């Protein structure tokens, strides 16, 4: 989406970063694959 993002999650961390170019689409489709209930949710 072109944002400057900071994430301090339980598994993923990222500090004050952004892409150096404007993506063609702000909403590239994202699909999540899982066999388990937690992932499907």
ModelCIF file with pLDDT and N, C-alpha, C, O atoms, coordinates in Angstrom:
data_MODEL
#
_entry.id   MODEL 
#
_entity.id                         1 
_entity.type                       polymer 
_entity.pdbx_number_of_molecules   1 
#
_entity_poly.entity_id                      1 
_entity_poly.type                           'polypeptide(L)' 
_entity_poly.nstd_linkage                   no 
_entity_poly.nstd_monomer                   no 
_entity_poly.pdbx_seq_one_letter_code       
;(UNK)(UNK)(UNK)(UNK)(UNK)(UNK)(UNK)(UNK)(UNK)(UNK)(UNK)(UNK)(UNK)(UNK)(UNK)(UNK)
(UNK)(UNK)(UNK)(UNK)(UNK)(UNK)(UNK)(UNK)(UNK)(UNK)(UNK)(UNK)(UNK)(UNK)(UNK)(UNK)
(UNK)(UNK)(UNK)(UNK)(UNK)(UNK)(UNK)(UNK)(UNK)
;
_entity_poly.pdbx_seq_one_letter_code_can   XXXXXXXXXXXXXXXXXXXXXXXXXXXXXXXXXXXXXXXXX 
_entity_poly.pdbx_strand_id                 A 
#
loop_
_entity_poly_seq.entity_id 
_entity_poly_seq.num 
_entity_poly_seq.mon_id 
_entity_poly_seq.hetero 
1 1  UNK n 
1 2  UNK n 
1 3  UNK n 
1 4  UNK n 
1 5  UNK n 
1 6  UNK n 
1 7  UNK n 
1 8  UNK n 
1 9  UNK n 
1 10 UNK n 
1 11 UNK n 
1 12 UNK n 
1 13 UNK n 
1 14 UNK n 
1 15 UNK n 
1 16 UNK n 
1 17 UNK n 
1 18 UNK n 
1 19 UNK n 
1 20 UNK n 
1 21 UNK n 
1 22 UNK n 
1 23 UNK n 
1 24 UNK n 
1 25 UNK n 
1 26 UNK n 
1 27 UNK n 
1 28 UNK n 
1 29 UNK n 
1 30 UNK n 
1 31 UNK n 
1 32 UNK n 
1 33 UNK n 
1 34 UNK n 
1 35 UNK n 
1 36 UNK n 
1 37 UNK n 
1 38 UNK n 
1 39 UNK n 
1 40 UNK n 
1 41 UNK n 
#
_struct_asym.id          A 
_struct_asym.entity_id   1 
#
loop_
_ma_qa_metric.id 
_ma_qa_metric.mode 
_ma_qa_metric.name 
_ma_qa_metric.software_group_id 
_ma_qa_metric.type 
1 global pLDDT . pLDDT 
2 local  pLDDT . pLDDT 
#
_ma_qa_metric_global.metric_id      1 
_ma_qa_metric_global.metric_value   96.10 
_ma_qa_metric_global.model_id       1 
_ma_qa_metric_global.ordinal_id     1 
#
loop_
_ma_qa_metric_local.label_asym_id 
_ma_qa_metric_local.label_comp_id 
_ma_qa_metric_local.label_seq_id 
_ma_qa_metric_local.metric_id 
_ma_qa_metric_local.metric_value 
_ma_qa_metric_local.model_id 
_ma_qa_metric_local.ordinal_id 
A UNK 1  2 97.00 1 1  
A UNK 2  2 97.00 1 2  
A UNK 3  2 97.00 1 3  
A UNK 4  2 97.00 1 4  
A UNK 5  2 96.00 1 5  
A UNK 6  2 96.00 1 6  
A UNK 7  2 93.00 1 7  
A UNK 8  2 93.00 1 8  
A UNK 9  2 93.00 1 9  
A UNK 10 2 93.00 1 10 
A UNK 11 2 93.00 1 11 
A UNK 12 2 94.00 1 12 
A UNK 13 2 95.00 1 13 
A UNK 14 2 97.00 1 14 
A UNK 15 2 97.00 1 15 
A UNK 16 2 97.00 1 16 
A UNK 17 2 97.00 1 17 
A UNK 18 2 97.00 1 18 
A UNK 19 2 98.00 1 19 
A UNK 20 2 97.00 1 20 
A UNK 21 2 97.00 1 21 
A UNK 22 2 97.00 1 22 
A UNK 23 2 97.00 1 23 
A UNK 24 2 97.00 1 24 
A UNK 25 2 96.00 1 25 
A UNK 26 2 93.00 1 26 
A UNK 27 2 94.00 1 27 
A UNK 28 2 98.00 1 28 
A UNK 29 2 98.00 1 29 
A UNK 30 2 98.00 1 30 
A UNK 31 2 98.00 1 31 
A UNK 32 2 98.00 1 32 
A UNK 33 2 97.00 1 33 
A UNK 34 2 96.00 1 34 
A UNK 35 2 92.00 1 35 
A UNK 36 2 94.00 1 36 
A UNK 37 2 97.00 1 37 
A UNK 38 2 96.00 1 38 
A UNK 39 2 97.00 1 39 
A UNK 40 2 98.00 1 40 
A UNK 41 2 98.00 1 41 
#
loop_
_atom_site.group_PDB 
_atom_site.id 
_atom_site.type_symbol 
_atom_site.label_atom_id 
_atom_site.label_alt_id 
_atom_site.label_comp_id 
_atom_site.label_asym_id 
_atom_site.label_entity_id 
_atom_site.label_seq_id 
_atom_site.pdbx_PDB_ins_code 
_atom_site.Cartn_x 
_atom_site.Cartn_y 
_atom_site.Cartn_z 
_atom_site.occupancy 
_atom_site.B_iso_or_equiv 
_atom_site.pdbx_formal_charge 
_atom_site.auth_seq_id 
_atom_site.auth_comp_id 
_atom_site.auth_asym_id 
_atom_site.auth_atom_id 
_atom_site.pdbx_PDB_model_num 
ATOM 1   N N  . UNK A 1 1  ? 0.812  -1.217  0.000  1.00 97.00 ? 1  UNK A N  1 
ATOM 2   C CA . UNK A 1 1  ? 0.000  0.000   0.000  1.00 97.00 ? 1  UNK A CA 1 
ATOM 3   C C  . UNK A 1 1  ? 0.846  1.268   0.000  1.00 97.00 ? 1  UNK A C  1 
ATOM 4   O O  . UNK A 1 1  ? 0.309  2.376   -0.008 1.00 97.00 ? 1  UNK A O  1 
ATOM 5   N N  . UNK A 1 2  ? 2.167  1.109   0.009  1.00 97.00 ? 2  UNK A N  1 
ATOM 6   C CA . UNK A 1 2  ? 3.053  2.265   -0.037 1.00 97.00 ? 2  UNK A CA 1 
ATOM 7   C C  . UNK A 1 2  ? 3.339  2.877   1.314  1.00 97.00 ? 2  UNK A C  1 
ATOM 8   O O  . UNK A 1 2  ? 3.884  3.978   1.397  1.00 97.00 ? 2  UNK A O  1 
ATOM 9   N N  . UNK A 1 3  ? 2.976  2.170   2.383  1.00 97.00 ? 3  UNK A N  1 
ATOM 10  C CA . UNK A 1 3  ? 3.142  2.719   3.723  1.00 97.00 ? 3  UNK A CA 1 
ATOM 11  C C  . UNK A 1 3  ? 4.564  2.509   4.250  1.00 97.00 ? 3  UNK A C  1 
ATOM 12  O O  . UNK A 1 3  ? 5.277  1.607   3.810  1.00 97.00 ? 3  UNK A O  1 
ATOM 13  N N  . UNK A 1 4  ? 4.953  3.349   5.186  1.00 97.00 ? 4  UNK A N  1 
ATOM 14  C CA . UNK A 1 4  ? 6.130  3.084   6.006  1.00 97.00 ? 4  UNK A CA 1 
ATOM 15  C C  . UNK A 1 4  ? 5.658  2.279   7.203  1.00 97.00 ? 4  UNK A C  1 
ATOM 16  O O  . UNK A 1 4  ? 4.780  2.712   7.949  1.00 97.00 ? 4  UNK A O  1 
ATOM 17  N N  . UNK A 1 5  ? 6.240  1.113   7.378  1.00 96.00 ? 5  UNK A N  1 
ATOM 18  C CA . UNK A 1 5  ? 5.667  0.134   8.298  1.00 96.00 ? 5  UNK A CA 1 
ATOM 19  C C  . UNK A 1 5  ? 6.652  -0.202  9.415  1.00 96.00 ? 5  UNK A C  1 
ATOM 20  O O  . UNK A 1 5  ? 7.847  -0.396  9.187  1.00 96.00 ? 5  UNK A O  1 
ATOM 21  N N  . UNK A 1 6  ? 6.112  -0.263  10.616 1.00 96.00 ? 6  UNK A N  1 
ATOM 22  C CA . UNK A 1 6  ? 6.837  -0.817  11.756 1.00 96.00 ? 6  UNK A CA 1 
ATOM 23  C C  . UNK A 1 6  ? 5.981  -1.917  12.365 1.00 96.00 ? 6  UNK A C  1 
ATOM 24  O O  . UNK A 1 6  ? 4.809  -1.704  12.675 1.00 96.00 ? 6  UNK A O  1 
ATOM 25  N N  . UNK A 1 7  ? 6.564  -3.079  12.533 1.00 93.00 ? 7  UNK A N  1 
ATOM 26  C CA . UNK A 1 7  ? 5.851  -4.217  13.110 1.00 93.00 ? 7  UNK A CA 1 
ATOM 27  C C  . UNK A 1 7  ? 6.716  -4.814  14.209 1.00 93.00 ? 7  UNK A C  1 
ATOM 28  O O  . UNK A 1 7  ? 7.892  -5.106  13.992 1.00 93.00 ? 7  UNK A O  1 
ATOM 29  N N  . UNK A 1 8  ? 6.148  -4.988  15.357 1.00 93.00 ? 8  UNK A N  1 
ATOM 30  C CA . UNK A 1 8  ? 6.817  -5.744  16.414 1.00 93.00 ? 8  UNK A CA 1 
ATOM 31  C C  . UNK A 1 8  ? 5.834  -6.809  16.871 1.00 93.00 ? 8  UNK A C  1 
ATOM 32  O O  . UNK A 1 8  ? 5.158  -6.664  17.890 1.00 93.00 ? 8  UNK A O  1 
ATOM 33  N N  . UNK A 1 9  ? 5.771  -7.872  16.098 1.00 93.00 ? 9  UNK A N  1 
ATOM 34  C CA . UNK A 1 9  ? 4.821  -8.926  16.370 1.00 93.00 ? 9  UNK A CA 1 
ATOM 35  C C  . UNK A 1 9  ? 5.416  -10.042 17.204 1.00 93.00 ? 9  UNK A C  1 
ATOM 36  O O  . UNK A 1 9  ? 6.550  -9.953  17.675 1.00 93.00 ? 9  UNK A O  1 
ATOM 37  N N  . UNK A 1 10 ? 4.637  -11.083 17.377 1.00 93.00 ? 10 UNK A N  1 
ATOM 38  C CA . UNK A 1 10 ? 5.109  -12.243 18.130 1.00 93.00 ? 10 UNK A CA 1 
ATOM 39  C C  . UNK A 1 10 ? 6.131  -13.045 17.334 1.00 93.00 ? 10 UNK A C  1 
ATOM 40  O O  . UNK A 1 10 ? 7.009  -13.682 17.916 1.00 93.00 ? 10 UNK A O  1 
ATOM 41  N N  . UNK A 1 11 ? 6.023  -13.018 16.000 1.00 93.00 ? 11 UNK A N  1 
ATOM 42  C CA . UNK A 1 11 ? 6.923  -13.787 15.145 1.00 93.00 ? 11 UNK A CA 1 
ATOM 43  C C  . UNK A 1 11 ? 7.670  -12.919 14.134 1.00 93.00 ? 11 UNK A C  1 
ATOM 44  O O  . UNK A 1 11 ? 8.785  -13.260 13.739 1.00 93.00 ? 11 UNK A O  1 
ATOM 45  N N  . UNK A 1 12 ? 7.080  -11.813 13.714 1.00 94.00 ? 12 UNK A N  1 
ATOM 46  C CA . UNK A 1 12 ? 7.645  -10.979 12.664 1.00 94.00 ? 12 UNK A CA 1 
ATOM 47  C C  . UNK A 1 12 ? 7.980  -9.596  13.209 1.00 94.00 ? 12 UNK A C  1 
ATOM 48  O O  . UNK A 1 12 ? 7.174  -8.983  13.909 1.00 94.00 ? 12 UNK A O  1 
ATOM 49  N N  . UNK A 1 13 ? 9.176  -9.112  12.882 1.00 95.00 ? 13 UNK A N  1 
ATOM 50  C CA . UNK A 1 13 ? 9.578  -7.752  13.264 1.00 95.00 ? 13 UNK A CA 1 
ATOM 51  C C  . UNK A 1 13 ? 10.077 -7.006  12.039 1.00 95.00 ? 13 UNK A C  1 
ATOM 52  O O  . UNK A 1 13 ? 10.710 -7.580  11.153 1.00 95.00 ? 13 UNK A O  1 
ATOM 53  N N  . UNK A 1 14 ? 9.777  -5.709  12.009 1.00 97.00 ? 14 UNK A N  1 
ATOM 54  C CA . UNK A 1 14 ? 10.199 -4.858  10.896 1.00 97.00 ? 14 UNK A CA 1 
ATOM 55  C C  . UNK A 1 14 ? 10.152 -3.421  11.407 1.00 97.00 ? 14 UNK A C  1 
ATOM 56  O O  . UNK A 1 14 ? 9.172  -3.011  12.029 1.00 97.00 ? 14 UNK A O  1 
ATOM 57  N N  . UNK A 1 15 ? 11.212 -2.659  11.144 1.00 97.00 ? 15 UNK A N  1 
ATOM 58  C CA . UNK A 1 15 ? 11.286 -1.333  11.759 1.00 97.00 ? 15 UNK A CA 1 
ATOM 59  C C  . UNK A 1 15 ? 11.384 -0.237  10.710 1.00 97.00 ? 15 UNK A C  1 
ATOM 60  O O  . UNK A 1 15 ? 12.377 -0.137  9.989  1.00 97.00 ? 15 UNK A O  1 
ATOM 61  N N  . UNK A 1 16 ? 10.343 0.584   10.633 1.00 97.00 ? 16 UNK A N  1 
ATOM 62  C CA . UNK A 1 16 ? 10.374 1.845   9.899  1.00 97.00 ? 16 UNK A CA 1 
ATOM 63  C C  . UNK A 1 16 ? 10.879 1.666   8.464  1.00 97.00 ? 16 UNK A C  1 
ATOM 64  O O  . UNK A 1 16 ? 11.784 2.371   8.017  1.00 97.00 ? 16 UNK A O  1 
ATOM 65  N N  . UNK A 1 17 ? 10.276 0.711   7.754  1.00 97.00 ? 17 UNK A N  1 
ATOM 66  C CA . UNK A 1 17 ? 10.708 0.446   6.388  1.00 97.00 ? 17 UNK A CA 1 
ATOM 67  C C  . UNK A 1 17 ? 9.579  0.612   5.383  1.00 97.00 ? 17 UNK A C  1 
ATOM 68  O O  . UNK A 1 17 ? 8.400  0.544   5.728  1.00 97.00 ? 17 UNK A O  1 
ATOM 69  N N  . UNK A 1 18 ? 9.969  0.833   4.130  1.00 97.00 ? 18 UNK A N  1 
ATOM 70  C CA . UNK A 1 18 ? 8.989  0.947   3.051  1.00 97.00 ? 18 UNK A CA 1 
ATOM 71  C C  . UNK A 1 18 ? 9.655  0.510   1.749  1.00 97.00 ? 18 UNK A C  1 
ATOM 72  O O  . UNK A 1 18 ? 10.881 0.445   1.661  1.00 97.00 ? 18 UNK A O  1 
ATOM 73  N N  . UNK A 1 19 ? 8.850  0.215   0.752  1.00 98.00 ? 19 UNK A N  1 
ATOM 74  C CA . UNK A 1 19 ? 9.385  -0.122  -0.563 1.00 98.00 ? 19 UNK A CA 1 
ATOM 75  C C  . UNK A 1 19 ? 9.899  1.142   -1.237 1.00 98.00 ? 19 UNK A C  1 
ATOM 76  O O  . UNK A 1 19 ? 9.376  2.237   -1.031 1.00 98.00 ? 19 UNK A O  1 
ATOM 77  N N  . UNK A 1 20 ? 10.931 0.963   -2.044 1.00 97.00 ? 20 UNK A N  1 
ATOM 78  C CA . UNK A 1 20 ? 11.557 2.099   -2.705 1.00 97.00 ? 20 UNK A CA 1 
ATOM 79  C C  . UNK A 1 20 ? 10.943 2.366   -4.079 1.00 97.00 ? 20 UNK A C  1 
ATOM 80  O O  . UNK A 1 20 ? 11.521 3.091   -4.889 1.00 97.00 ? 20 UNK A O  1 
ATOM 81  N N  . UNK A 1 21 ? 9.779  1.784   -4.339 1.00 97.00 ? 21 UNK A N  1 
ATOM 82  C CA . UNK A 1 21 ? 9.072  2.022   -5.594 1.00 97.00 ? 21 UNK A CA 1 
ATOM 83  C C  . UNK A 1 21 ? 7.585  1.866   -5.324 1.00 97.00 ? 21 UNK A C  1 
ATOM 84  O O  . UNK A 1 21 ? 7.186  1.249   -4.336 1.00 97.00 ? 21 UNK A O  1 
ATOM 85  N N  . UNK A 1 22 ? 6.784  2.416   -6.189 1.00 97.00 ? 22 UNK A N  1 
ATOM 86  C CA . UNK A 1 22 ? 5.331  2.330   -6.025 1.00 97.00 ? 22 UNK A CA 1 
ATOM 87  C C  . UNK A 1 22 ? 4.841  1.055   -6.703 1.00 97.00 ? 22 UNK A C  1 
ATOM 88  O O  . UNK A 1 22 ? 4.968  0.930   -7.921 1.00 97.00 ? 22 UNK A O  1 
ATOM 89  N N  . UNK A 1 23 ? 4.286  0.107   -5.954 1.00 97.00 ? 23 UNK A N  1 
ATOM 90  C CA . UNK A 1 23 ? 3.771  -1.109  -6.568 1.00 97.00 ? 23 UNK A CA 1 
ATOM 91  C C  . UNK A 1 23 ? 2.703  -0.809  -7.611 1.00 97.00 ? 23 UNK A C  1 
ATOM 92  O O  . UNK A 1 23 ? 1.936  0.144   -7.475 1.00 97.00 ? 23 UNK A O  1 
ATOM 93  N N  . UNK A 1 24 ? 2.664  -1.624  -8.640 1.00 97.00 ? 24 UNK A N  1 
ATOM 94  C CA . UNK A 1 24 ? 1.640  -1.447  -9.674 1.00 97.00 ? 24 UNK A CA 1 
ATOM 95  C C  . UNK A 1 24 ? 0.247  -1.515  -9.070 1.00 97.00 ? 24 UNK A C  1 
ATOM 96  O O  . UNK A 1 24 ? -0.633 -0.732  -9.427 1.00 97.00 ? 24 UNK A O  1 
ATOM 97  N N  . UNK A 1 25 ? 0.050  -2.470  -8.139 1.00 96.00 ? 25 UNK A N  1 
ATOM 98  C CA . UNK A 1 25 ? -1.247 -2.607  -7.451 1.00 96.00 ? 25 UNK A CA 1 
ATOM 99  C C  . UNK A 1 25 ? -1.028 -2.555  -5.954 1.00 96.00 ? 25 UNK A C  1 
ATOM 100 O O  . UNK A 1 25 ? -0.099 -3.172  -5.432 1.00 96.00 ? 25 UNK A O  1 
ATOM 101 N N  . UNK A 1 26 ? -1.873 -1.826  -5.272 1.00 93.00 ? 26 UNK A N  1 
ATOM 102 C CA . UNK A 1 26 ? -1.800 -1.765  -3.815 1.00 93.00 ? 26 UNK A CA 1 
ATOM 103 C C  . UNK A 1 26 ? -2.370 -3.028  -3.180 1.00 93.00 ? 26 UNK A C  1 
ATOM 104 O O  . UNK A 1 26 ? -2.117 -3.303  -2.007 1.00 93.00 ? 26 UNK A O  1 
ATOM 105 N N  . UNK A 1 27 ? -3.131 -3.787  -3.941 1.00 94.00 ? 27 UNK A N  1 
ATOM 106 C CA . UNK A 1 27 ? -3.833 -4.947  -3.376 1.00 94.00 ? 27 UNK A CA 1 
ATOM 107 C C  . UNK A 1 27 ? -3.592 -6.186  -4.222 1.00 94.00 ? 27 UNK A C  1 
ATOM 108 O O  . UNK A 1 27 ? -4.531 -6.735  -4.799 1.00 94.00 ? 27 UNK A O  1 
ATOM 109 N N  . UNK A 1 28 ? -2.336 -6.635  -4.301 1.00 98.00 ? 28 UNK A N  1 
ATOM 110 C CA . UNK A 1 28 ? -2.044 -7.926  -4.920 1.00 98.00 ? 28 UNK A CA 1 
ATOM 111 C C  . UNK A 1 28 ? -2.800 -9.007  -4.135 1.00 98.00 ? 28 UNK A C  1 
ATOM 112 O O  . UNK A 1 28 ? -2.711 -9.037  -2.908 1.00 98.00 ? 28 UNK A O  1 
ATOM 113 N N  . UNK A 1 29 ? -3.537 -9.890  -4.808 1.00 98.00 ? 29 UNK A N  1 
ATOM 114 C CA . UNK A 1 29 ? -4.284 -10.919 -4.066 1.00 98.00 ? 29 UNK A CA 1 
ATOM 115 C C  . UNK A 1 29 ? -3.353 -11.808 -3.241 1.00 98.00 ? 29 UNK A C  1 
ATOM 116 O O  . UNK A 1 29 ? -2.286 -12.218 -3.701 1.00 98.00 ? 29 UNK A O  1 
ATOM 117 N N  . UNK A 1 30 ? -3.782 -12.093 -2.019 1.00 98.00 ? 30 UNK A N  1 
ATOM 118 C CA . UNK A 1 30 ? -3.009 -12.950 -1.114 1.00 98.00 ? 30 UNK A CA 1 
ATOM 119 C C  . UNK A 1 30 ? -3.877 -14.138 -0.706 1.00 98.00 ? 30 UNK A C  1 
ATOM 120 O O  . UNK A 1 30 ? -5.006 -13.977 -0.244 1.00 98.00 ? 30 UNK A O  1 
ATOM 121 N N  . UNK A 1 31 ? -3.317 -15.332 -0.889 1.00 98.00 ? 31 UNK A N  1 
ATOM 122 C CA . UNK A 1 31 ? -4.000 -16.575 -0.537 1.00 98.00 ? 31 UNK A CA 1 
ATOM 123 C C  . UNK A 1 31 ? -3.192 -17.282 0.548  1.00 98.00 ? 31 UNK A C  1 
ATOM 124 O O  . UNK A 1 31 ? -1.969 -17.389 0.453  1.00 98.00 ? 31 UNK A O  1 
ATOM 125 N N  . UNK A 1 32 ? -3.876 -17.754 1.564  1.00 98.00 ? 32 UNK A N  1 
ATOM 126 C CA . UNK A 1 32 ? -3.215 -18.467 2.663  1.00 98.00 ? 32 UNK A CA 1 
ATOM 127 C C  . UNK A 1 32 ? -3.514 -19.959 2.539  1.00 98.00 ? 32 UNK A C  1 
ATOM 128 O O  . UNK A 1 32 ? -4.670 -20.365 2.417  1.00 98.00 ? 32 UNK A O  1 
ATOM 129 N N  . UNK A 1 33 ? -2.462 -20.765 2.573  1.00 97.00 ? 33 UNK A N  1 
ATOM 130 C CA . UNK A 1 33 ? -2.591 -22.215 2.476  1.00 97.00 ? 33 UNK A CA 1 
ATOM 131 C C  . UNK A 1 33 ? -2.387 -22.850 3.840  1.00 97.00 ? 33 UNK A C  1 
ATOM 132 O O  . UNK A 1 33 ? -1.443 -22.522 4.558  1.00 97.00 ? 33 UNK A O  1 
ATOM 133 N N  . UNK A 1 34 ? -3.282 -23.761 4.186  1.00 96.00 ? 34 UNK A N  1 
ATOM 134 C CA . UNK A 1 34 ? -3.138 -24.471 5.461  1.00 96.00 ? 34 UNK A CA 1 
ATOM 135 C C  . UNK A 1 34 ? -3.964 -25.736 5.458  1.00 96.00 ? 34 UNK A C  1 
ATOM 136 O O  . UNK A 1 34 ? -5.012 -25.815 4.817  1.00 96.00 ? 34 UNK A O  1 
ATOM 137 N N  . UNK A 1 35 ? -3.475 -26.728 6.187  1.00 92.00 ? 35 UNK A N  1 
ATOM 138 C CA . UNK A 1 35 ? -4.232 -27.955 6.435  1.00 92.00 ? 35 UNK A CA 1 
ATOM 139 C C  . UNK A 1 35 ? -4.941 -27.893 7.787  1.00 92.00 ? 35 UNK A C  1 
ATOM 140 O O  . UNK A 1 35 ? -5.847 -28.683 8.052  1.00 92.00 ? 35 UNK A O  1 
ATOM 141 N N  . UNK A 1 36 ? -4.537 -26.973 8.625  1.00 94.00 ? 36 UNK A N  1 
ATOM 142 C CA . UNK A 1 36 ? -4.970 -26.972 10.019 1.00 94.00 ? 36 UNK A CA 1 
ATOM 143 C C  . UNK A 1 36 ? -5.996 -25.878 10.288 1.00 94.00 ? 36 UNK A C  1 
ATOM 144 O O  . UNK A 1 36 ? -6.121 -24.918 9.529  1.00 94.00 ? 36 UNK A O  1 
ATOM 145 N N  . UNK A 1 37 ? -6.727 -26.050 11.389 1.00 97.00 ? 37 UNK A N  1 
ATOM 146 C CA . UNK A 1 37 ? -7.805 -25.121 11.712 1.00 97.00 ? 37 UNK A CA 1 
ATOM 147 C C  . UNK A 1 37 ? -7.285 -23.704 11.927 1.00 97.00 ? 37 UNK A C  1 
ATOM 148 O O  . UNK A 1 37 ? -7.880 -22.751 11.423 1.00 97.00 ? 37 UNK A O  1 
ATOM 149 N N  . UNK A 1 38 ? -6.187 -23.546 12.666 1.00 96.00 ? 38 UNK A N  1 
ATOM 150 C CA . UNK A 1 38 ? -5.687 -22.204 12.961 1.00 96.00 ? 38 UNK A CA 1 
ATOM 151 C C  . UNK A 1 38 ? -5.316 -21.465 11.679 1.00 96.00 ? 38 UNK A C  1 
ATOM 152 O O  . UNK A 1 38 ? -5.622 -20.281 11.536 1.00 96.00 ? 38 UNK A O  1 
ATOM 153 N N  . UNK A 1 39 ? -4.659 -22.152 10.750 1.00 97.00 ? 39 UNK A N  1 
ATOM 154 C CA . UNK A 1 39 ? -4.279 -21.533 9.492  1.00 97.00 ? 39 UNK A CA 1 
ATOM 155 C C  . UNK A 1 39 ? -5.481 -21.201 8.627  1.00 97.00 ? 39 UNK A C  1 
ATOM 156 O O  . UNK A 1 39 ? -5.514 -20.150 7.986  1.00 97.00 ? 39 UNK A O  1 
ATOM 157 N N  . UNK A 1 40 ? -6.474 -22.090 8.601  1.00 98.00 ? 40 UNK A N  1 
ATOM 158 C CA . UNK A 1 40 ? -7.685 -21.818 7.831  1.00 98.00 ? 40 UNK A CA 1 
ATOM 159 C C  . UNK A 1 40 ? -8.432 -20.610 8.389  1.00 98.00 ? 40 UNK A C  1 
ATOM 160 O O  . UNK A 1 40 ? -8.987 -19.813 7.632  1.00 98.00 ? 40 UNK A O  1 
ATOM 161 N N  . UNK A 1 41 ? -8.443 -20.478 9.707  1.00 98.00 ? 41 UNK A N  1 
ATOM 162 C CA . UNK A 1 41 ? -9.096 -19.303 10.304 1.00 98.00 ? 41 UNK A CA 1 
ATOM 163 C C  . UNK A 1 41 ? -8.348 -18.022 9.960  1.00 98.00 ? 41 UNK A C  1 
ATOM 164 O O  . UNK A 1 41 ? -8.755 -16.938 10.378 1.00 98.00 ? 41 UNK A O  1 
#
